[in-house]
Protein backbone atom coordinates (compact mmCIF):
# COMPACT_ATOMS: atom_id res chain seq x y z
CA MET A 1 0.00 0.02 -0.01
CA SER A 2 1.34 3.47 -0.91
CA LYS A 3 2.32 5.85 1.82
CA LEU A 4 2.32 9.67 1.53
CA ILE A 5 5.51 10.93 3.08
CA ASP A 6 5.35 14.62 2.33
CA SER A 7 3.46 17.17 0.20
CA TYR A 8 3.81 20.86 -0.77
CA ASN A 9 2.95 23.32 -3.39
CA ILE A 10 5.22 25.22 -5.82
CA TYR A 11 4.75 28.10 -8.37
CA SER A 12 6.42 28.37 -11.73
CA ASN A 13 5.47 31.34 -13.94
CA LYS A 14 1.80 31.41 -12.50
CA VAL A 15 1.62 27.59 -12.82
CA LEU A 16 0.61 26.09 -9.38
CA ALA A 17 1.63 22.50 -9.06
CA SER A 18 1.46 20.20 -6.06
CA ILE A 19 4.19 17.78 -5.09
CA GLU A 20 3.63 14.42 -3.32
CA ILE A 21 6.43 12.30 -1.97
CA ILE A 22 5.05 8.81 -1.95
CA LYS A 23 6.58 5.45 -0.81
CA LYS A 24 5.29 2.55 -3.04
CA PRO A 25 5.87 -1.03 -1.99
CA GLU A 26 6.99 -2.05 -5.48
CA GLU A 27 9.59 0.80 -5.84
CA PHE A 28 13.10 0.86 -4.29
CA VAL A 29 13.02 4.70 -4.00
CA PRO A 30 10.20 7.19 -3.15
CA ILE A 31 8.15 8.75 -5.92
CA TYR A 32 8.17 12.50 -6.56
CA ASN A 33 4.64 12.89 -7.84
CA LEU A 34 4.13 16.14 -9.87
CA ILE A 35 0.42 17.14 -10.07
CA LYS A 36 -0.69 20.06 -12.19
CA PRO A 37 -4.16 21.02 -13.62
CA THR A 38 -5.10 19.02 -16.75
CA ILE A 39 -5.83 20.73 -20.10
CA GLU A 40 -8.68 19.32 -22.25
CA PRO A 41 -7.76 18.18 -25.89
CA GLY A 42 -9.78 21.01 -27.49
CA THR A 43 -7.95 23.60 -25.32
CA LEU A 44 -4.60 22.07 -26.41
CA VAL A 45 -5.50 22.74 -30.11
CA ILE A 46 -6.15 26.45 -29.18
CA MET A 47 -2.81 26.55 -27.34
CA GLU A 48 -1.00 25.42 -30.42
CA GLU A 49 -2.64 28.31 -32.36
CA ILE A 50 -1.63 30.78 -29.72
CA LYS A 51 2.01 29.47 -30.00
CA GLU A 52 2.08 30.18 -33.66
CA ARG A 53 0.58 33.71 -33.17
CA LEU A 54 3.18 34.51 -30.52
CA VAL A 55 6.02 33.39 -32.60
CA SER A 56 4.78 35.62 -35.56
CA GLU A 57 3.74 38.65 -33.44
CA LEU A 58 6.65 38.89 -30.96
CA GLN A 59 10.09 39.43 -32.45
CA ILE A 60 12.75 37.98 -30.32
CA LYS A 61 16.37 39.19 -30.38
CA VAL A 62 19.24 36.87 -29.69
CA SER A 63 20.44 39.31 -27.02
CA GLU A 64 17.16 38.91 -25.15
CA LEU A 65 17.68 35.18 -24.87
CA ILE A 66 21.27 35.47 -23.66
CA ASP A 67 20.97 38.30 -21.06
CA PRO A 68 19.41 37.06 -17.66
CA SER A 69 17.65 40.51 -17.10
CA SER A 70 16.28 40.55 -20.67
CA ILE A 71 14.87 36.94 -20.39
CA GLU A 72 12.79 37.98 -17.51
CA GLU A 73 11.37 40.92 -19.48
CA LEU A 74 10.68 38.64 -22.43
CA LYS A 75 8.86 36.19 -20.09
CA LYS A 76 6.59 39.00 -18.94
CA LYS A 77 6.07 40.07 -22.57
CA PHE A 78 5.11 36.48 -23.62
CA TYR A 79 2.91 36.03 -20.61
CA THR A 80 1.03 39.29 -21.11
CA LYS A 81 0.50 38.64 -24.84
CA SER A 82 -0.49 35.00 -24.40
CA LEU A 83 -3.05 36.09 -21.83
CA GLN A 84 -4.53 38.64 -24.30
CA LEU A 85 -4.85 35.88 -26.98
CA ILE A 86 -6.45 33.48 -24.47
CA ASN A 87 -8.89 36.11 -23.34
CA LYS A 88 -9.79 36.65 -26.98
CA LEU A 89 -10.13 32.94 -28.03
CA LEU A 90 -11.49 31.60 -24.75
CA PRO A 91 -13.25 34.52 -23.10
CA ASN A 92 -15.47 32.31 -20.77
CA LEU A 93 -12.52 30.43 -19.12
CA ALA A 94 -11.86 31.06 -15.43
CA ILE A 95 -9.08 33.57 -14.82
CA GLU A 96 -7.03 30.94 -12.88
CA LYS A 97 -7.17 28.63 -15.78
CA LYS A 98 -6.16 31.41 -18.14
CA GLU A 99 -3.07 32.31 -15.98
CA PHE A 100 -2.12 28.60 -15.74
CA MET A 101 -2.33 28.27 -19.58
CA SER A 102 -0.20 31.46 -20.09
CA GLY A 103 2.33 30.04 -17.56
CA ILE A 104 2.52 26.74 -19.40
CA LEU A 105 3.12 28.57 -22.77
CA VAL A 106 5.96 30.58 -21.22
CA ASN A 107 7.59 27.46 -19.81
CA GLU A 108 7.31 25.48 -23.15
CA MET A 109 8.35 28.44 -25.40
CA LEU A 110 11.14 30.01 -23.39
CA GLY A 111 12.04 27.36 -20.99
CA LEU A 112 12.22 23.50 -20.53
CA GLY A 113 8.49 22.69 -20.30
CA ASP A 114 7.57 20.84 -17.14
CA ILE A 115 11.15 20.74 -16.12
CA GLU A 116 10.73 24.48 -15.31
CA ILE A 117 8.26 23.39 -12.47
CA LEU A 118 10.96 21.22 -11.02
CA LEU A 119 13.49 24.01 -11.38
CA SER A 120 11.13 26.24 -9.13
CA ASP A 121 11.24 23.65 -6.33
CA PRO A 122 13.73 24.93 -3.67
CA ASN A 123 14.07 21.56 -2.07
CA LEU A 124 15.80 20.07 -5.09
CA GLU A 125 19.56 19.96 -5.71
CA GLU A 126 19.73 17.94 -8.91
CA ILE A 127 17.44 17.22 -11.84
CA VAL A 128 18.53 14.33 -14.08
CA ILE A 129 17.10 13.20 -17.41
CA ASN A 130 18.61 9.81 -18.41
CA SER A 131 16.55 9.17 -21.53
CA SER A 132 12.97 9.34 -22.75
CA LYS A 133 12.54 5.68 -21.89
CA GLU A 134 12.53 6.39 -18.07
CA PRO A 135 11.21 8.99 -15.60
CA VAL A 136 13.15 12.06 -14.74
CA TRP A 137 14.99 11.68 -11.48
CA VAL A 138 15.67 14.39 -8.83
CA TYR A 139 17.87 14.69 -5.77
CA HIS A 140 15.80 16.06 -2.86
CA LYS A 141 17.52 17.82 -0.03
CA LYS A 142 15.56 15.77 2.58
CA TYR A 143 14.83 12.60 0.85
CA GLY A 144 17.78 11.94 -1.49
CA TRP A 145 17.27 10.50 -4.89
CA LEU A 146 13.57 10.29 -6.05
CA LYS A 147 12.02 9.00 -9.16
CA THR A 148 9.50 11.51 -10.62
CA SER A 149 6.12 10.90 -12.38
CA LEU A 150 7.46 13.00 -15.23
CA ILE A 151 8.59 11.29 -18.48
CA LEU A 152 9.76 13.27 -21.48
CA LYS A 153 8.13 12.68 -24.86
CA ASP A 154 11.02 11.52 -26.99
CA GLU A 155 14.76 11.79 -27.44
CA GLN A 156 14.39 14.73 -29.86
CA GLN A 157 12.68 16.67 -27.05
CA ILE A 158 15.68 16.18 -24.76
CA GLN A 159 18.09 17.09 -27.59
CA ASN A 160 15.96 20.27 -28.16
CA TYR A 161 16.16 21.27 -24.57
CA ALA A 162 19.95 20.77 -24.54
CA SER A 163 20.32 22.80 -27.76
CA ASN A 164 18.24 25.61 -26.39
CA ILE A 165 20.36 25.81 -23.30
CA GLY A 166 23.58 25.76 -25.42
CA ARG A 167 22.42 28.50 -27.73
CA LYS A 168 21.73 30.82 -24.75
CA VAL A 169 25.35 30.71 -23.65
CA GLY A 170 26.83 30.55 -27.15
CA ARG A 171 27.56 26.88 -27.15
CA GLN A 172 26.58 23.97 -29.44
CA ILE A 173 25.70 20.32 -28.91
CA SER A 174 25.41 18.09 -31.90
CA ILE A 175 26.44 14.67 -33.13
CA LEU A 176 29.78 16.08 -33.83
CA ASN A 177 29.97 17.73 -30.47
CA PRO A 178 27.91 15.38 -28.24
CA LEU A 179 28.97 16.89 -24.82
CA LEU A 180 27.78 20.20 -23.24
CA ASP A 181 28.74 22.10 -20.13
CA ALA A 182 26.72 25.25 -19.77
CA HIS A 183 24.36 27.12 -17.35
CA LEU A 184 20.82 28.34 -17.27
CA THR A 185 20.03 31.95 -16.94
CA SER A 186 19.11 31.25 -13.23
CA GLY A 187 22.73 30.25 -12.68
CA ASP A 188 22.02 26.47 -12.51
CA ARG A 189 24.75 24.30 -14.07
CA VAL A 190 23.83 21.99 -16.96
CA ASN A 191 25.61 18.95 -18.49
CA ALA A 192 24.20 17.23 -21.49
CA THR A 193 25.19 14.29 -23.58
CA LEU A 194 23.76 12.88 -26.83
CA PHE A 195 23.33 9.29 -28.02
CA PRO A 196 25.43 7.26 -28.80
CA ILE A 197 27.89 8.73 -26.35
CA SER A 198 25.34 8.05 -23.66
CA THR A 199 24.16 4.55 -24.92
CA THR A 200 20.60 4.46 -23.49
CA GLY A 201 19.61 7.94 -24.84
CA ASN A 202 20.18 11.65 -24.58
CA THR A 203 20.89 12.97 -20.99
CA ILE A 204 20.66 16.25 -19.21
CA THR A 205 21.86 16.85 -15.71
CA ILE A 206 21.03 20.13 -13.93
CA ARG A 207 22.91 21.01 -10.75
CA MET A 208 20.59 23.54 -9.02
CA PHE A 209 22.07 26.41 -7.03
CA ARG A 210 20.25 28.21 -4.23
CA ARG A 211 18.35 31.30 -5.57
CA ASN A 212 19.78 33.02 -2.55
CA PRO A 213 23.28 31.85 -2.28
CA TRP A 214 24.76 30.79 1.03
CA THR A 215 26.22 33.57 3.23
CA ILE A 216 28.43 33.21 6.15
CA THR A 217 25.57 33.68 8.53
CA ASP A 218 23.79 30.75 6.86
CA LEU A 219 26.88 28.61 7.27
CA ILE A 220 27.20 29.51 10.90
CA VAL A 221 23.55 28.72 11.68
CA ASN A 222 23.66 25.28 9.82
CA LYS A 223 26.90 24.48 11.69
CA THR A 224 29.01 24.19 8.47
CA THR A 225 31.50 26.27 10.51
CA ASP A 226 31.55 28.34 13.72
CA ILE A 227 32.09 31.97 14.56
CA ASP A 228 35.69 31.49 15.88
CA ILE A 229 36.80 29.97 12.56
CA ILE A 230 35.02 32.64 10.45
CA SER A 231 36.57 35.44 12.51
CA LEU A 232 39.95 34.07 11.66
CA LEU A 233 39.14 33.64 7.99
CA TRP A 234 37.74 37.13 7.86
CA LEU A 235 41.11 38.48 9.00
CA ALA A 236 42.88 36.20 6.51
CA ILE A 237 40.80 37.43 3.56
CA GLU A 238 41.03 41.10 4.61
CA TYR A 239 44.73 40.87 4.75
CA GLU A 240 45.09 39.18 1.40
CA MET A 241 45.98 35.63 2.37
CA ASN A 242 45.97 33.17 -0.44
CA VAL A 243 43.43 30.31 -0.01
CA VAL A 244 42.57 27.15 -1.70
CA ILE A 245 39.38 25.20 -0.72
CA SER A 246 39.20 21.47 -1.34
CA GLY A 247 36.64 18.70 -0.93
CA GLY A 248 34.66 16.05 -2.81
CA THR A 249 31.89 16.62 -5.22
CA GLY A 250 28.96 18.48 -3.62
CA SER A 251 30.81 19.14 -0.44
CA GLY A 252 30.23 22.86 -0.74
CA LYS A 253 33.61 24.08 -1.97
CA THR A 254 32.30 26.86 -4.26
CA SER A 255 29.62 27.88 -1.77
CA PHE A 256 32.10 28.42 1.05
CA LEU A 257 34.47 30.30 -1.42
CA ASN A 258 31.56 32.46 -2.49
CA ALA A 259 30.72 33.19 1.17
CA LEU A 260 34.31 34.18 2.00
CA MET A 261 34.49 36.67 -0.99
CA PHE A 262 32.11 38.95 1.02
CA PHE A 263 35.06 39.80 3.28
CA VAL A 264 37.02 41.41 0.43
CA PRO A 265 37.12 45.15 1.12
CA PRO A 266 34.83 47.04 -1.31
CA ASN A 267 37.79 49.13 -2.66
CA ASN A 268 39.48 45.96 -3.98
CA ARG A 269 38.99 44.81 -7.61
CA ILE A 270 38.01 41.22 -7.92
CA ILE A 271 38.39 39.19 -11.24
CA SER A 272 36.71 35.77 -11.10
CA ILE A 273 37.39 33.01 -13.72
CA GLU A 274 34.96 30.05 -14.07
CA ASP A 275 33.85 27.54 -16.67
CA THR A 276 30.20 28.23 -15.74
CA ARG A 277 29.01 31.08 -13.47
CA GLU A 278 28.53 29.89 -9.95
CA LEU A 279 29.77 32.81 -7.85
CA ARG A 280 27.38 35.53 -6.78
CA LEU A 281 28.77 38.53 -4.81
CA PRO A 282 26.98 41.64 -3.42
CA ASP A 283 26.12 44.10 -6.18
CA PHE A 284 28.38 46.87 -4.82
CA LEU A 285 31.64 45.03 -4.79
CA HIS A 286 34.12 45.97 -7.53
CA TRP A 287 33.80 42.50 -9.35
CA VAL A 288 34.32 41.45 -12.98
CA PRO A 289 33.19 37.83 -13.63
CA LEU A 290 34.79 36.11 -16.52
CA THR A 291 33.69 32.69 -18.01
CA THR A 292 35.38 30.38 -20.55
CA ARG A 293 34.03 29.72 -23.98
CA GLU A 294 34.16 26.41 -25.98
CA PRO A 295 35.14 26.42 -29.68
CA ASN A 296 32.50 26.73 -32.42
CA ALA A 297 31.77 23.93 -34.94
CA GLU A 298 34.93 24.82 -36.89
CA GLY A 299 37.04 24.55 -33.82
CA LYS A 300 37.63 28.35 -33.49
CA GLY A 301 36.91 30.85 -30.86
CA GLU A 302 37.88 28.94 -27.81
CA VAL A 303 38.63 30.89 -24.64
CA ASP A 304 39.98 28.54 -21.91
CA MET A 305 40.70 29.19 -18.29
CA LEU A 306 44.37 29.72 -18.88
CA ASP A 307 43.63 32.46 -21.49
CA LEU A 308 41.42 34.23 -18.93
CA LEU A 309 43.85 33.74 -16.21
CA VAL A 310 46.81 35.26 -18.12
CA ASN A 311 44.46 38.10 -19.31
CA SER A 312 43.24 38.82 -15.79
CA LEU A 313 46.71 39.76 -14.74
CA ARG A 314 46.52 42.66 -17.29
CA MET A 315 43.32 43.85 -15.64
CA ARG A 316 44.86 45.24 -12.51
CA PRO A 317 43.23 42.81 -10.17
CA ASP A 318 43.62 42.93 -6.36
CA ARG A 319 41.99 39.52 -6.01
CA ILE A 320 41.81 36.68 -8.50
CA VAL A 321 39.26 33.94 -7.98
CA VAL A 322 39.61 30.75 -10.09
CA GLY A 323 36.69 28.30 -10.19
CA GLU A 324 39.01 25.17 -10.10
CA ILE A 325 42.68 24.33 -10.48
CA ARG A 326 42.91 21.37 -13.01
CA LYS A 327 46.14 21.56 -15.01
CA GLU A 328 49.83 22.36 -14.52
CA ARG A 329 49.92 25.47 -16.67
CA GLN A 330 46.93 26.99 -14.92
CA ALA A 331 48.60 26.37 -11.44
CA GLU A 332 51.86 27.79 -12.65
CA VAL A 333 50.21 31.04 -13.70
CA LEU A 334 48.10 31.12 -10.42
CA PHE A 335 51.00 30.67 -8.24
CA GLU A 336 53.11 33.17 -10.27
CA ALA A 337 50.20 35.61 -9.53
CA MET A 338 50.64 34.88 -5.81
CA HIS A 339 54.43 35.65 -5.99
CA THR A 340 53.75 38.92 -7.76
CA GLY A 341 51.56 40.27 -5.05
CA HIS A 342 48.02 39.20 -6.05
CA SER A 343 45.62 37.52 -3.64
CA VAL A 344 44.42 34.19 -5.10
CA TYR A 345 41.55 31.96 -4.23
CA SER A 346 40.58 28.62 -5.87
CA THR A 347 39.14 25.14 -5.41
CA VAL A 348 40.49 21.68 -6.05
CA HIS A 349 39.16 18.15 -5.63
CA ALA A 350 40.66 16.48 -2.62
CA ASP A 351 39.16 15.00 0.59
CA THR A 352 41.79 15.89 3.19
CA ALA A 353 44.63 18.50 3.73
CA GLU A 354 47.22 15.81 3.09
CA GLN A 355 45.46 14.73 -0.15
CA THR A 356 45.23 18.41 -1.14
CA TYR A 357 48.95 18.77 -0.77
CA LYS A 358 49.56 15.62 -2.84
CA ARG A 359 47.09 16.60 -5.53
CA LEU A 360 48.73 20.01 -5.89
CA THR A 361 52.33 18.59 -6.08
CA ASN A 362 51.74 15.60 -8.32
CA PRO A 363 50.46 15.40 -12.01
CA PRO A 364 48.31 16.63 -13.48
CA ILE A 365 48.79 19.93 -11.42
CA ASN A 366 52.36 19.28 -10.47
CA ILE A 367 53.30 22.48 -8.54
CA PRO A 368 56.90 22.49 -7.25
CA GLU A 369 56.90 22.07 -3.51
CA ALA A 370 58.90 25.20 -2.98
CA LEU A 371 56.08 27.34 -4.53
CA LEU A 372 53.51 26.07 -2.10
CA ASP A 373 54.99 28.32 0.46
CA ALA A 374 52.85 31.08 -1.16
CA LEU A 375 49.63 29.36 -0.25
CA ASP A 376 48.50 30.48 3.20
CA LEU A 377 45.61 28.38 3.94
CA ALA A 378 43.95 25.15 2.74
CA ILE A 379 40.33 24.71 3.75
CA VAL A 380 38.86 21.19 3.39
CA MET A 381 35.03 20.77 2.99
CA TYR A 382 33.16 17.54 3.90
CA ARG A 383 29.63 16.25 2.99
CA ASP A 384 28.13 13.32 4.88
CA ARG A 385 25.89 11.75 2.21
CA ARG A 386 23.88 9.85 4.83
CA THR A 387 22.69 12.97 6.76
CA GLY A 388 23.38 15.64 4.05
CA LYS A 389 25.57 17.62 6.68
CA ARG A 390 28.29 19.85 5.09
CA ARG A 391 31.18 20.80 7.27
CA VAL A 392 34.50 22.49 7.30
CA TYR A 393 36.52 19.35 7.81
CA GLN A 394 40.00 20.78 8.19
CA ILE A 395 41.90 24.09 7.94
CA ALA A 396 45.59 23.62 7.26
CA GLU A 397 48.85 25.33 6.49
CA PHE A 398 51.49 23.89 4.14
CA SER A 399 55.19 23.71 5.28
CA PRO A 400 57.23 22.27 2.43
CA GLU A 401 60.36 22.61 4.46
CA SER A 402 59.07 20.77 7.50
CA LYS A 403 58.87 17.07 8.12
CA ASN A 404 54.99 16.91 8.23
CA LYS A 405 54.55 19.04 5.23
CA VAL A 406 50.92 19.78 6.49
CA ASP A 407 49.94 21.36 9.66
CA VAL A 408 46.16 20.99 10.56
CA LEU A 409 45.01 24.10 12.43
CA PHE A 410 41.39 23.13 12.96
CA SER A 411 39.44 19.84 12.35
CA TRP A 412 35.95 18.76 12.69
CA ASN A 413 35.01 16.33 15.46
CA ALA A 414 32.32 14.13 13.92
CA ALA A 415 31.33 12.55 17.28
CA LYS A 416 30.53 15.86 18.98
CA ASP A 417 29.82 17.81 15.77
CA ASN A 418 32.23 20.72 16.78
CA PHE A 419 35.51 22.10 15.77
CA VAL A 420 38.79 21.43 17.50
CA ARG A 421 41.77 23.76 17.47
CA ASN A 422 44.98 21.57 16.81
CA GLN A 423 47.75 24.16 16.75
CA LYS A 424 48.65 27.03 19.23
CA LYS A 425 50.41 29.19 16.53
CA PHE A 426 49.32 30.01 13.01
CA ARG A 427 51.91 31.00 10.46
CA PHE A 428 49.37 33.15 8.47
CA LEU A 429 48.85 35.32 11.60
CA GLU A 430 52.60 35.76 11.98
CA LYS A 431 52.66 36.85 8.36
CA ILE A 432 49.79 39.25 9.08
CA LYS A 433 51.62 40.71 11.95
CA MET A 434 54.84 41.16 9.90
CA HIS A 435 52.93 42.99 7.09
CA THR A 436 50.75 45.20 9.31
CA GLY A 437 52.71 45.79 12.42
CA MET A 438 49.76 44.34 14.45
CA SER A 439 50.61 42.85 17.91
CA ASN A 440 49.13 39.70 19.45
CA SER A 441 46.65 41.87 21.53
CA ASP A 442 45.67 43.83 18.40
CA ILE A 443 44.79 40.67 16.60
CA GLU A 444 42.92 39.30 19.60
CA LYS A 445 40.83 42.44 19.84
CA THR A 446 40.09 42.48 16.16
CA LEU A 447 38.93 38.83 16.36
CA LYS A 448 36.64 39.54 19.36
CA GLU A 449 35.16 42.57 17.41
CA ARG A 450 34.49 40.33 14.32
CA SER A 451 32.86 37.67 16.58
CA LYS A 452 30.51 40.25 17.98
CA ILE A 453 29.40 41.45 14.64
CA LEU A 454 29.01 37.86 13.30
CA ASN A 455 26.93 36.93 16.49
CA TRP A 456 24.69 40.07 15.84
CA MET A 457 24.05 39.07 12.20
CA VAL A 458 23.18 35.53 13.16
CA LYS A 459 20.76 36.80 15.97
CA ASN A 460 19.07 39.15 13.59
CA LYS A 461 18.99 36.66 10.67
CA VAL A 462 20.88 38.82 8.17
CA THR A 463 21.35 36.22 5.50
CA ASN A 464 20.63 38.15 2.28
CA VAL A 465 23.59 38.51 -0.02
CA ASN A 466 23.62 42.30 -0.18
CA GLY A 467 22.68 42.62 3.45
CA VAL A 468 25.68 40.69 4.66
CA GLY A 469 27.87 42.28 2.09
CA LYS A 470 26.66 45.87 3.10
CA ILE A 471 27.31 45.29 6.87
CA ILE A 472 30.91 44.03 6.16
CA ALA A 473 31.50 46.89 3.67
CA GLU A 474 30.20 49.44 6.31
CA TYR A 475 32.47 47.87 8.99
CA TYR A 476 35.41 48.63 6.88
CA MET A 477 34.27 52.24 6.41
CA ASP A 478 33.30 52.82 9.93
CA PRO A 479 34.14 50.02 12.32
CA LYS A 480 33.44 51.82 15.55
CA ASN A 481 29.79 52.55 14.42
CA ILE A 482 29.02 48.94 13.31
CA LEU A 483 30.63 47.48 16.42
CA LYS A 484 28.52 49.90 18.58
CA ILE A 485 25.28 48.85 16.80
CA ALA A 486 26.16 45.15 17.18
CA GLU A 487 27.00 45.51 20.93
CA LYS A 488 23.74 47.17 21.54
CA ASN A 489 22.02 44.50 19.35
CA GLU A 490 20.21 47.28 17.55
CA ASN A 491 18.01 46.48 14.51
CA PRO A 492 20.09 46.01 11.27
CA ASP A 493 17.57 48.09 9.31
CA LYS A 494 19.50 51.12 10.69
CA ILE A 495 22.23 50.09 8.18
CA ILE A 496 20.56 48.11 5.40
CA PRO A 497 17.13 48.22 3.64
CA LYS A 498 14.51 45.97 5.26
CA GLU A 499 14.06 44.07 1.99
CA TRP A 500 17.73 42.82 2.53
CA LEU A 501 16.81 41.38 5.85
CA LYS A 502 14.46 38.74 4.16
């Protein structure tokens, strides 16, 4: 007998859908049942006519499909026009039904059809299409992998979706180029493969990112890290320490890197380099995001990460953020940037601090050990796949000249779910003291101030990207005023707009 585990509603472009998580005896995993209003066959015929009219009456520019802000305006235009046509052709239909039909048309003509409804579910981390022969799968934050009730019509529909995604970011997927890495206008990352590379059919994998990215206050609240560690890292970022963040797939490397970038002073110029856009920083930071580009069908026009990295050094950056270190030449340029006075931040795949050291010093990255002295901190992220917990697993310093090579400063105690300090002295603090003239008491005082501000933000639930960024920026401008407000536990709306507190 089937058992209802959970249920909730989601909206997608005026389309109201119900979600039921059901456990069926004959299924090995729960079912993600998508329920939306049905459309009668006669109405479907009229919707096809409306589609043709929309295509002929609304002239779409390529720039509108590529620009995220333009695509939202285009959706509004399509929605308004389709609603006018429905009112004309089906005047007696209930307003809710008309709005639903307009939303469906927007999803089908400018998006990925019913997949758009799944993209609007904040509980999902991954959407996976394996072929048209089996249901779409999703990874639910609470229930793990679920099989949905949604099956795509045929392989051509999957290929059309992949092609549409590629066109919006200037990339192609075809029989000659059967692999695609891209991103949606929402920022979600997409990978697609075509038959016969994927032998059972065409595939699309969508890694969904939070519509409101994780901020430091979020990470403290959900125990990914704690205030003492963040206070130290705030100091490290402010004083231009070089940091690499490692961890396994889905461990939260990029999210943690993104959150740390809020600590960059607003008068610093940040250049970020990624294969697909994942970072999202406060609007008022001096930030120039760059992304790579694949070659066209003739094999021309490629811009890889190394090209962007070399070019970024000519853009007068104060901080350089690289999505991931993969190859030796990238690493060479990155570490050369460190040695020429730029602050550098990046990620790498490795599960421990020791593995991170080995990964950096062995092929294919192959950094000479002597150069690792320029890297101030290695932060390791961990994800417990059984519980879904993400934690800062280790924070370490590399000492190529010493016997141990790796000094772990902090580590996560899984039994007590807390963080343990393993070293009394930190080399990066000594470096800060040398460059700034700060004493031990100065650093201790600064760390206490940062802890108070972080505590205040957590208590007042300041989690919005611009809200957190504004408080940190204001602190750099007038530290005494922000500290005074935090110590008195005054309302943050004295500093930031109320809408940034949501």
